[in-house]
Amino acid sequence: MVQLRSSLSMTRARARGGDSDDADDRGWNQLHVAARKGNLKEVRRLLNEGMDVNAPAWGPKSPGATPLHLAAQGGHVKIMDELLERGANIDARTKGACGWTPLHIAAKERNKRVVRFLVENGAFLPPDLNDHRFNPPLHYCSGLEWAYEMKRMQDESDSGGEASFSSSN
């Protein structure tokens, strides 16, 4: 019976993206920790060893946070780039009422560089902030105004507005 419980516990832990011994009290595995710290060498090593790039944290303080969420929170663009190259879901949502994406996290941290990186790499940003799939509203996460500005500039550039940026005037 004890062995069965241990086996079940390890199976659940692997489903979360690691062994039961490598998750901390936040439910973060080694990849979560390396991504949050900005340790690119360790992130690459862990991914090469087969850790799940989209493993959700399972602890009470960050349920559903993926390594990409944590890299966005820490402002680690190189880590985010590596995670996306390895198949990270740019629009992964945390668990709970808000369901924050890495873009929400970056906006909350008011990190323009990370917001720009996510928008440029295709993070979901609805045309209308009232879209029911996109929480939280702007007043909860005022950094999203940068995301909308960057998206507007990107759309203008894509539709031929590049001439307005030239210095030929």
Protein backbone atom coordinates (compact mmCIF):
# COMPACT_ATOMS: atom_id res chain seq x y z
CA MET A 1 0.00 0.00 0.00
CA VAL A 2 2.81 2.45 0.87
CA GLN A 3 4.60 1.61 -2.36
CA LEU A 4 1.39 2.18 -4.34
CA ARG A 5 0.94 5.64 -2.73
CA SER A 6 4.55 6.52 -3.46
CA SER A 7 4.18 5.39 -7.06
CA LEU A 8 0.97 7.38 -7.46
CA SER A 9 2.60 10.45 -5.94
CA MET A 10 5.54 10.21 -8.35
CA THR A 11 3.18 9.73 -11.31
CA ARG A 12 1.29 12.90 -10.36
CA ALA A 13 4.55 14.80 -9.90
CA ARG A 14 5.81 13.72 -13.32
CA ALA A 15 2.54 14.87 -14.86
CA ARG A 16 3.28 18.27 -13.34
CA GLY A 17 6.69 18.32 -15.00
CA GLY A 18 9.13 16.76 -12.55
CA ASP A 19 9.82 14.24 -9.84
CA SER A 20 8.21 14.59 -6.44
CA ASP A 21 11.62 15.37 -4.92
CA ASP A 22 12.26 18.42 -7.09
CA ALA A 23 9.08 20.43 -6.42
CA ASP A 24 9.23 23.07 -3.71
CA ASP A 25 6.46 24.38 -1.46
CA ARG A 26 5.21 26.62 -4.29
CA GLY A 27 4.84 23.62 -6.56
CA TRP A 28 7.76 24.82 -8.69
CA ASN A 29 10.04 22.28 -10.27
CA GLN A 30 13.68 22.94 -11.20
CA LEU A 31 12.68 24.44 -14.55
CA HIS A 32 10.33 26.94 -12.87
CA VAL A 33 13.13 28.02 -10.52
CA ALA A 34 15.74 28.33 -13.31
CA ALA A 35 13.32 30.33 -15.48
CA ARG A 36 12.47 32.71 -12.62
CA LYS A 37 16.15 33.22 -11.77
CA GLY A 38 17.10 33.78 -15.42
CA ASN A 39 19.56 30.88 -15.55
CA LEU A 40 19.68 30.15 -19.29
CA LYS A 41 22.28 27.39 -19.03
CA GLU A 42 20.18 25.52 -16.45
CA VAL A 43 16.96 26.05 -18.44
CA ARG A 44 18.60 24.53 -21.53
CA ARG A 45 20.00 21.62 -19.54
CA LEU A 46 16.65 20.80 -17.97
CA LEU A 47 14.81 21.04 -21.28
CA ASN A 48 17.44 18.85 -22.94
CA GLU A 49 16.84 16.29 -20.18
CA GLY A 50 13.15 16.23 -21.10
CA MET A 51 11.42 18.50 -18.60
CA ASP A 52 8.04 19.77 -19.75
CA VAL A 53 8.36 23.33 -21.06
CA ASN A 54 4.69 23.93 -20.20
CA ALA A 55 4.67 22.31 -16.75
CA PRO A 56 2.21 24.18 -14.53
CA ALA A 57 3.11 24.98 -10.94
CA TRP A 58 0.68 23.41 -8.51
CA GLY A 59 1.27 25.32 -5.30
CA PRO A 60 -1.37 27.55 -3.71
CA LYS A 61 0.44 30.82 -4.46
CA SER A 62 1.02 30.30 -8.17
CA PRO A 63 -1.36 27.61 -9.45
CA GLY A 64 -0.88 26.97 -13.14
CA ALA A 65 2.11 29.28 -13.61
CA THR A 66 4.43 27.93 -16.27
CA PRO A 67 8.15 28.59 -16.63
CA LEU A 68 7.21 31.24 -19.23
CA HIS A 69 5.04 33.08 -16.66
CA LEU A 70 7.95 33.09 -14.22
CA ALA A 71 10.50 34.23 -16.82
CA ALA A 72 8.12 37.06 -17.77
CA GLN A 73 7.76 38.01 -14.12
CA GLY A 74 11.54 38.14 -13.75
CA GLY A 75 12.04 40.08 -16.99
CA HIS A 76 14.21 37.37 -18.56
CA VAL A 77 13.75 37.79 -22.32
CA LYS A 78 16.49 35.32 -23.27
CA ILE A 79 14.82 32.66 -21.14
CA MET A 80 11.45 33.46 -22.68
CA ASP A 81 12.93 33.18 -26.16
CA GLU A 82 14.42 29.78 -25.34
CA LEU A 83 11.15 28.54 -23.84
CA LEU A 84 9.17 29.68 -26.89
CA GLU A 85 11.69 28.01 -29.20
CA ARG A 86 11.11 24.79 -27.27
CA GLY A 87 7.33 24.96 -27.59
CA ALA A 88 6.13 27.00 -24.61
CA ASN A 89 2.54 28.18 -24.89
CA ILE A 90 2.74 31.97 -25.10
CA ASP A 91 -0.89 32.26 -24.01
CA ALA A 92 -0.83 29.73 -21.15
CA ARG A 93 -3.18 30.75 -18.37
CA THR A 94 -2.80 30.40 -14.64
CA LYS A 95 -5.51 28.58 -12.73
CA GLY A 96 -8.18 30.48 -10.86
CA ALA A 97 -10.57 33.30 -11.60
CA CYS A 98 -8.24 35.59 -13.53
CA GLY A 99 -6.36 33.12 -15.68
CA TRP A 100 -3.39 35.38 -16.29
CA THR A 101 -1.11 34.90 -19.29
CA PRO A 102 2.60 35.75 -19.37
CA LEU A 103 1.56 39.05 -21.00
CA HIS A 104 -0.57 39.91 -17.96
CA ILE A 105 2.37 39.13 -15.69
CA ALA A 106 4.75 41.32 -17.72
CA ALA A 107 2.23 44.16 -17.75
CA LYS A 108 1.67 43.85 -14.00
CA GLU A 109 5.43 44.09 -13.51
CA ARG A 110 5.37 47.15 -15.82
CA ASN A 111 8.21 45.71 -17.89
CA LYS A 112 7.94 47.31 -21.34
CA ARG A 113 10.72 45.18 -22.83
CA VAL A 114 8.97 41.94 -21.88
CA VAL A 115 5.57 43.24 -22.98
CA ARG A 116 7.07 44.18 -26.35
CA PHE A 117 8.75 40.79 -26.70
CA LEU A 118 5.49 38.94 -26.01
CA VAL A 119 3.41 41.12 -28.34
CA GLU A 120 6.00 40.79 -31.11
CA ASN A 121 5.98 37.02 -30.66
CA GLY A 122 2.21 36.73 -31.00
CA ALA A 123 0.79 36.90 -27.48
CA PHE A 124 -3.00 37.13 -27.58
CA LEU A 125 -4.18 40.71 -27.34
CA PRO A 126 -7.81 41.26 -28.33
CA PRO A 127 -8.80 44.36 -30.27
CA ASP A 128 -11.12 45.29 -27.41
CA LEU A 129 -10.00 45.05 -23.80
CA ASN A 130 -13.53 44.03 -22.80
CA ASP A 131 -13.07 40.67 -24.54
CA HIS A 132 -14.33 38.13 -21.98
CA ARG A 133 -11.34 35.85 -22.70
CA PHE A 134 -8.84 38.52 -21.68
CA ASN A 135 -8.65 39.22 -17.97
CA PRO A 136 -7.97 41.38 -16.04
CA PRO A 137 -9.32 44.76 -17.14
CA LEU A 138 -6.90 47.57 -17.75
CA HIS A 139 -7.47 49.15 -14.33
CA TYR A 140 -6.07 45.99 -12.69
CA CYS A 141 -3.07 45.84 -14.96
CA SER A 142 -2.27 49.30 -16.25
CA GLY A 143 0.89 48.08 -17.98
CA LEU A 144 -1.35 46.59 -20.67
CA GLU A 145 -1.66 50.07 -22.17
CA TRP A 146 1.91 49.56 -23.46
CA ALA A 147 0.89 46.29 -25.06
CA TYR A 148 -1.92 48.01 -26.93
CA GLU A 149 0.38 50.81 -28.05
CA MET A 150 2.98 48.33 -29.29
CA LYS A 151 0.32 46.27 -31.04
CA ARG A 152 -1.03 49.42 -32.73
CA MET A 153 2.46 50.35 -33.95
CA GLN A 154 3.05 46.79 -35.15
CA ASP A 155 -0.26 46.77 -37.05
CA GLU A 156 0.56 50.13 -38.67
CA SER A 157 3.96 48.80 -39.71
CA ASP A 158 2.43 45.62 -41.15
CA SER A 159 -0.12 47.60 -43.16
CA GLY A 160 2.41 49.80 -44.93
CA GLY A 161 2.80 52.47 -42.26
CA GLU A 162 6.56 51.91 -42.34
CA ALA A 163 7.05 55.03 -44.43
CA SER A 164 6.00 57.17 -41.47
CA PHE A 165 9.11 55.99 -39.63
CA SER A 166 11.53 56.96 -42.40
CA SER A 167 13.88 59.91 -42.04
CA SER A 168 13.43 61.17 -45.59
CA ASN A 169 11.36 64.20 -44.51
